[in-house]
N, C-alpha and C. Protein backbone atom coordinates (compact mmCIF):
# COMPACT_ATOMS: atom_id res chain seq x y z
N UNK A 1 -6.24 -3.83 25.38
CA UNK A 1 -6.31 -2.85 24.32
C UNK A 1 -7.13 -3.42 23.16
N UNK A 2 -7.93 -2.57 22.57
CA UNK A 2 -8.79 -3.01 21.48
C UNK A 2 -8.10 -2.79 20.14
N UNK A 3 -8.62 -3.43 19.12
CA UNK A 3 -8.11 -3.28 17.77
C UNK A 3 -8.17 -1.83 17.32
N UNK A 4 -9.26 -1.18 17.60
CA UNK A 4 -9.43 0.23 17.22
C UNK A 4 -8.40 1.10 17.92
N UNK A 5 -8.13 0.85 19.20
CA UNK A 5 -7.14 1.62 19.94
C UNK A 5 -5.74 1.46 19.34
N UNK A 6 -5.39 0.23 19.01
CA UNK A 6 -4.07 -0.03 18.41
C UNK A 6 -3.94 0.72 17.10
N UNK A 7 -4.96 0.68 16.28
CA UNK A 7 -4.91 1.35 14.98
C UNK A 7 -4.87 2.87 15.15
N UNK A 8 -5.55 3.40 16.16
CA UNK A 8 -5.47 4.84 16.43
C UNK A 8 -4.05 5.24 16.79
N UNK A 9 -3.38 4.40 17.59
CA UNK A 9 -1.98 4.69 17.95
C UNK A 9 -1.08 4.65 16.72
N UNK A 10 -1.32 3.66 15.86
CA UNK A 10 -0.54 3.54 14.63
C UNK A 10 -0.74 4.77 13.75
N UNK A 11 -1.97 5.22 13.60
CA UNK A 11 -2.25 6.40 12.79
C UNK A 11 -1.56 7.63 13.36
N UNK A 12 -1.45 7.71 14.68
CA UNK A 12 -0.80 8.86 15.31
C UNK A 12 0.71 8.86 15.06
N UNK A 13 1.32 7.68 15.08
CA UNK A 13 2.78 7.60 14.89
C UNK A 13 3.17 7.36 13.44
N UNK A 14 2.22 6.85 12.63
CA UNK A 14 2.43 6.52 11.23
C UNK A 14 3.45 5.40 11.03
N UNK A 15 3.65 4.59 12.07
CA UNK A 15 4.55 3.43 12.01
C UNK A 15 3.86 2.24 12.67
N UNK A 16 3.94 1.07 12.03
CA UNK A 16 3.45 -0.17 12.62
C UNK A 16 4.66 -0.94 13.12
N UNK A 17 4.70 -1.21 14.42
CA UNK A 17 5.81 -1.97 14.99
C UNK A 17 5.51 -3.47 14.93
N UNK A 18 6.55 -4.31 15.02
CA UNK A 18 6.30 -5.75 15.06
C UNK A 18 5.37 -6.15 16.21
N UNK A 19 5.49 -5.49 17.34
CA UNK A 19 4.62 -5.77 18.48
C UNK A 19 3.16 -5.48 18.14
N UNK A 20 2.92 -4.37 17.47
CA UNK A 20 1.56 -4.03 17.08
C UNK A 20 1.03 -5.01 16.03
N UNK A 21 1.90 -5.46 15.13
CA UNK A 21 1.49 -6.47 14.16
C UNK A 21 0.99 -7.73 14.88
N UNK A 22 1.75 -8.17 15.89
CA UNK A 22 1.36 -9.36 16.65
C UNK A 22 0.04 -9.14 17.40
N UNK A 23 -0.11 -7.95 18.00
CA UNK A 23 -1.35 -7.65 18.73
C UNK A 23 -2.55 -7.67 17.79
N UNK A 24 -2.41 -7.06 16.63
CA UNK A 24 -3.50 -7.04 15.65
C UNK A 24 -3.85 -8.47 15.23
N UNK A 25 -2.84 -9.26 14.94
CA UNK A 25 -3.07 -10.64 14.54
C UNK A 25 -3.83 -11.41 15.62
N UNK A 26 -3.39 -11.27 16.86
CA UNK A 26 -4.06 -11.97 17.96
C UNK A 26 -5.51 -11.53 18.11
N UNK A 27 -5.73 -10.22 18.06
CA UNK A 27 -7.09 -9.71 18.22
C UNK A 27 -8.00 -10.14 17.07
N UNK A 28 -7.47 -10.19 15.86
CA UNK A 28 -8.29 -10.63 14.73
C UNK A 28 -8.71 -12.09 14.88
N UNK A 29 -7.85 -12.91 15.48
CA UNK A 29 -8.17 -14.32 15.68
C UNK A 29 -9.05 -14.55 16.90
N UNK A 30 -8.95 -13.67 17.91
CA UNK A 30 -9.61 -13.92 19.19
C UNK A 30 -10.94 -13.21 19.37
N UNK A 31 -11.19 -12.18 18.60
CA UNK A 31 -12.39 -11.38 18.84
C UNK A 31 -13.24 -11.27 17.58
N UNK A 32 -14.49 -10.99 17.78
CA UNK A 32 -15.38 -10.75 16.65
C UNK A 32 -15.10 -9.36 16.08
N UNK A 33 -15.14 -9.25 14.78
CA UNK A 33 -14.87 -7.98 14.12
C UNK A 33 -16.20 -7.35 13.72
N UNK A 34 -16.45 -6.19 14.29
CA UNK A 34 -17.67 -5.44 13.97
C UNK A 34 -17.33 -4.29 13.04
N UNK A 35 -18.30 -3.44 12.83
CA UNK A 35 -18.14 -2.31 11.92
C UNK A 35 -16.99 -1.38 12.31
N UNK A 36 -16.85 -0.98 13.59
CA UNK A 36 -15.73 -0.09 13.94
C UNK A 36 -14.36 -0.72 13.65
N UNK A 37 -14.23 -2.00 13.97
CA UNK A 37 -12.96 -2.70 13.73
C UNK A 37 -12.69 -2.84 12.23
N UNK A 38 -13.72 -3.17 11.49
CA UNK A 38 -13.59 -3.31 10.04
C UNK A 38 -13.17 -1.99 9.40
N UNK A 39 -13.80 -0.89 9.81
CA UNK A 39 -13.47 0.42 9.27
C UNK A 39 -12.04 0.83 9.65
N UNK A 40 -11.64 0.54 10.89
CA UNK A 40 -10.28 0.86 11.33
C UNK A 40 -9.25 0.06 10.52
N UNK A 41 -9.54 -1.20 10.26
CA UNK A 41 -8.64 -2.02 9.45
C UNK A 41 -8.56 -1.50 8.01
N UNK A 42 -9.68 -1.02 7.48
CA UNK A 42 -9.66 -0.43 6.13
C UNK A 42 -8.76 0.81 6.10
N UNK A 43 -8.87 1.65 7.13
CA UNK A 43 -8.04 2.85 7.20
C UNK A 43 -6.56 2.48 7.32
N UNK A 44 -6.27 1.48 8.13
CA UNK A 44 -4.89 1.03 8.29
C UNK A 44 -4.35 0.50 6.97
N UNK A 45 -5.12 -0.33 6.31
CA UNK A 45 -4.69 -0.91 5.04
C UNK A 45 -4.45 0.17 4.00
N UNK A 46 -5.35 1.12 3.89
CA UNK A 46 -5.18 2.21 2.92
C UNK A 46 -3.98 3.08 3.27
N UNK A 47 -3.76 3.30 4.55
CA UNK A 47 -2.59 4.08 4.97
C UNK A 47 -1.28 3.39 4.58
N UNK A 48 -1.25 2.08 4.70
CA UNK A 48 -0.05 1.32 4.32
C UNK A 48 0.11 1.34 2.80
N UNK A 49 -0.97 1.11 2.07
CA UNK A 49 -0.91 1.10 0.61
C UNK A 49 -0.45 2.44 0.06
N UNK A 50 -0.96 3.54 0.61
CA UNK A 50 -0.62 4.87 0.11
C UNK A 50 0.72 5.38 0.63
N UNK A 51 1.31 4.66 1.57
CA UNK A 51 2.60 5.08 2.11
C UNK A 51 2.51 6.06 3.26
N UNK A 52 1.31 6.37 3.70
CA UNK A 52 1.16 7.28 4.84
C UNK A 52 1.54 6.60 6.14
N UNK A 53 1.42 5.28 6.17
CA UNK A 53 1.80 4.49 7.34
C UNK A 53 2.87 3.50 6.90
N UNK A 54 3.95 3.43 7.65
CA UNK A 54 5.07 2.54 7.33
C UNK A 54 5.05 1.35 8.28
N UNK A 55 5.46 0.20 7.77
CA UNK A 55 5.54 -1.01 8.56
C UNK A 55 7.00 -1.23 8.92
N UNK A 56 7.32 -1.13 10.21
CA UNK A 56 8.71 -1.17 10.67
C UNK A 56 9.43 -2.43 10.22
N UNK A 57 8.78 -3.58 10.28
CA UNK A 57 9.46 -4.82 9.87
C UNK A 57 9.84 -4.77 8.40
N UNK A 58 9.06 -4.09 7.57
CA UNK A 58 9.39 -3.95 6.15
C UNK A 58 10.52 -2.96 5.95
N UNK A 59 10.55 -1.90 6.73
CA UNK A 59 11.64 -0.93 6.65
C UNK A 59 12.95 -1.61 7.04
N UNK A 60 12.92 -2.41 8.12
CA UNK A 60 14.12 -3.12 8.55
C UNK A 60 14.57 -4.13 7.50
N UNK A 61 13.63 -4.74 6.82
CA UNK A 61 13.96 -5.76 5.84
C UNK A 61 14.43 -5.16 4.52
N UNK A 62 13.76 -4.11 4.06
CA UNK A 62 14.03 -3.58 2.73
C UNK A 62 14.75 -2.24 2.70
N UNK A 63 14.97 -1.62 3.83
CA UNK A 63 15.69 -0.35 3.86
C UNK A 63 14.90 0.75 4.52
N UNK A 64 15.46 1.94 4.50
CA UNK A 64 14.85 3.09 5.15
C UNK A 64 13.60 3.52 4.40
N UNK A 65 12.74 4.30 5.06
CA UNK A 65 11.55 4.79 4.36
C UNK A 65 11.90 5.53 3.07
N UNK A 66 12.99 6.25 3.07
CA UNK A 66 13.41 6.98 1.87
C UNK A 66 13.74 5.99 0.75
N UNK A 67 14.43 4.88 1.10
CA UNK A 67 14.73 3.85 0.11
C UNK A 67 13.45 3.25 -0.45
N UNK A 68 12.46 3.05 0.40
CA UNK A 68 11.20 2.47 -0.05
C UNK A 68 10.48 3.38 -1.04
N UNK A 69 10.62 4.70 -0.86
CA UNK A 69 9.97 5.62 -1.76
C UNK A 69 10.58 5.57 -3.15
N UNK A 70 11.90 5.40 -3.23
CA UNK A 70 12.57 5.38 -4.54
C UNK A 70 12.56 3.99 -5.16
N UNK A 71 12.41 2.95 -4.34
CA UNK A 71 12.39 1.58 -4.83
C UNK A 71 11.27 0.83 -4.13
N UNK A 72 10.00 1.11 -4.50
CA UNK A 72 8.87 0.53 -3.76
C UNK A 72 8.82 -1.00 -3.89
N UNK A 73 8.27 -1.61 -2.85
CA UNK A 73 8.06 -3.05 -2.85
C UNK A 73 6.76 -3.31 -3.59
N UNK A 74 6.80 -4.18 -4.56
CA UNK A 74 5.59 -4.48 -5.32
C UNK A 74 4.78 -5.55 -4.62
N UNK A 75 3.48 -5.36 -4.62
CA UNK A 75 2.58 -6.35 -4.03
C UNK A 75 2.37 -7.47 -5.03
N UNK A 76 2.37 -8.69 -4.53
CA UNK A 76 2.18 -9.84 -5.42
C UNK A 76 0.73 -10.00 -5.79
């Protein structure tokens, strides 16, 4: 599976699972990143920042998505 494919799946479900986090990490270390991969990562990052995409490990750590909306996690 390619980085772009994983990010397309994430955009469809609007949730990043721990497994997908690991896959993305491995692919970023193992493969060259071209324009399509870079653009997909930008979309993923913006989706997470705007709250359109949720990161499951963060939900499990800090509470439900509803809790995150009322008490957002601040970026350092």
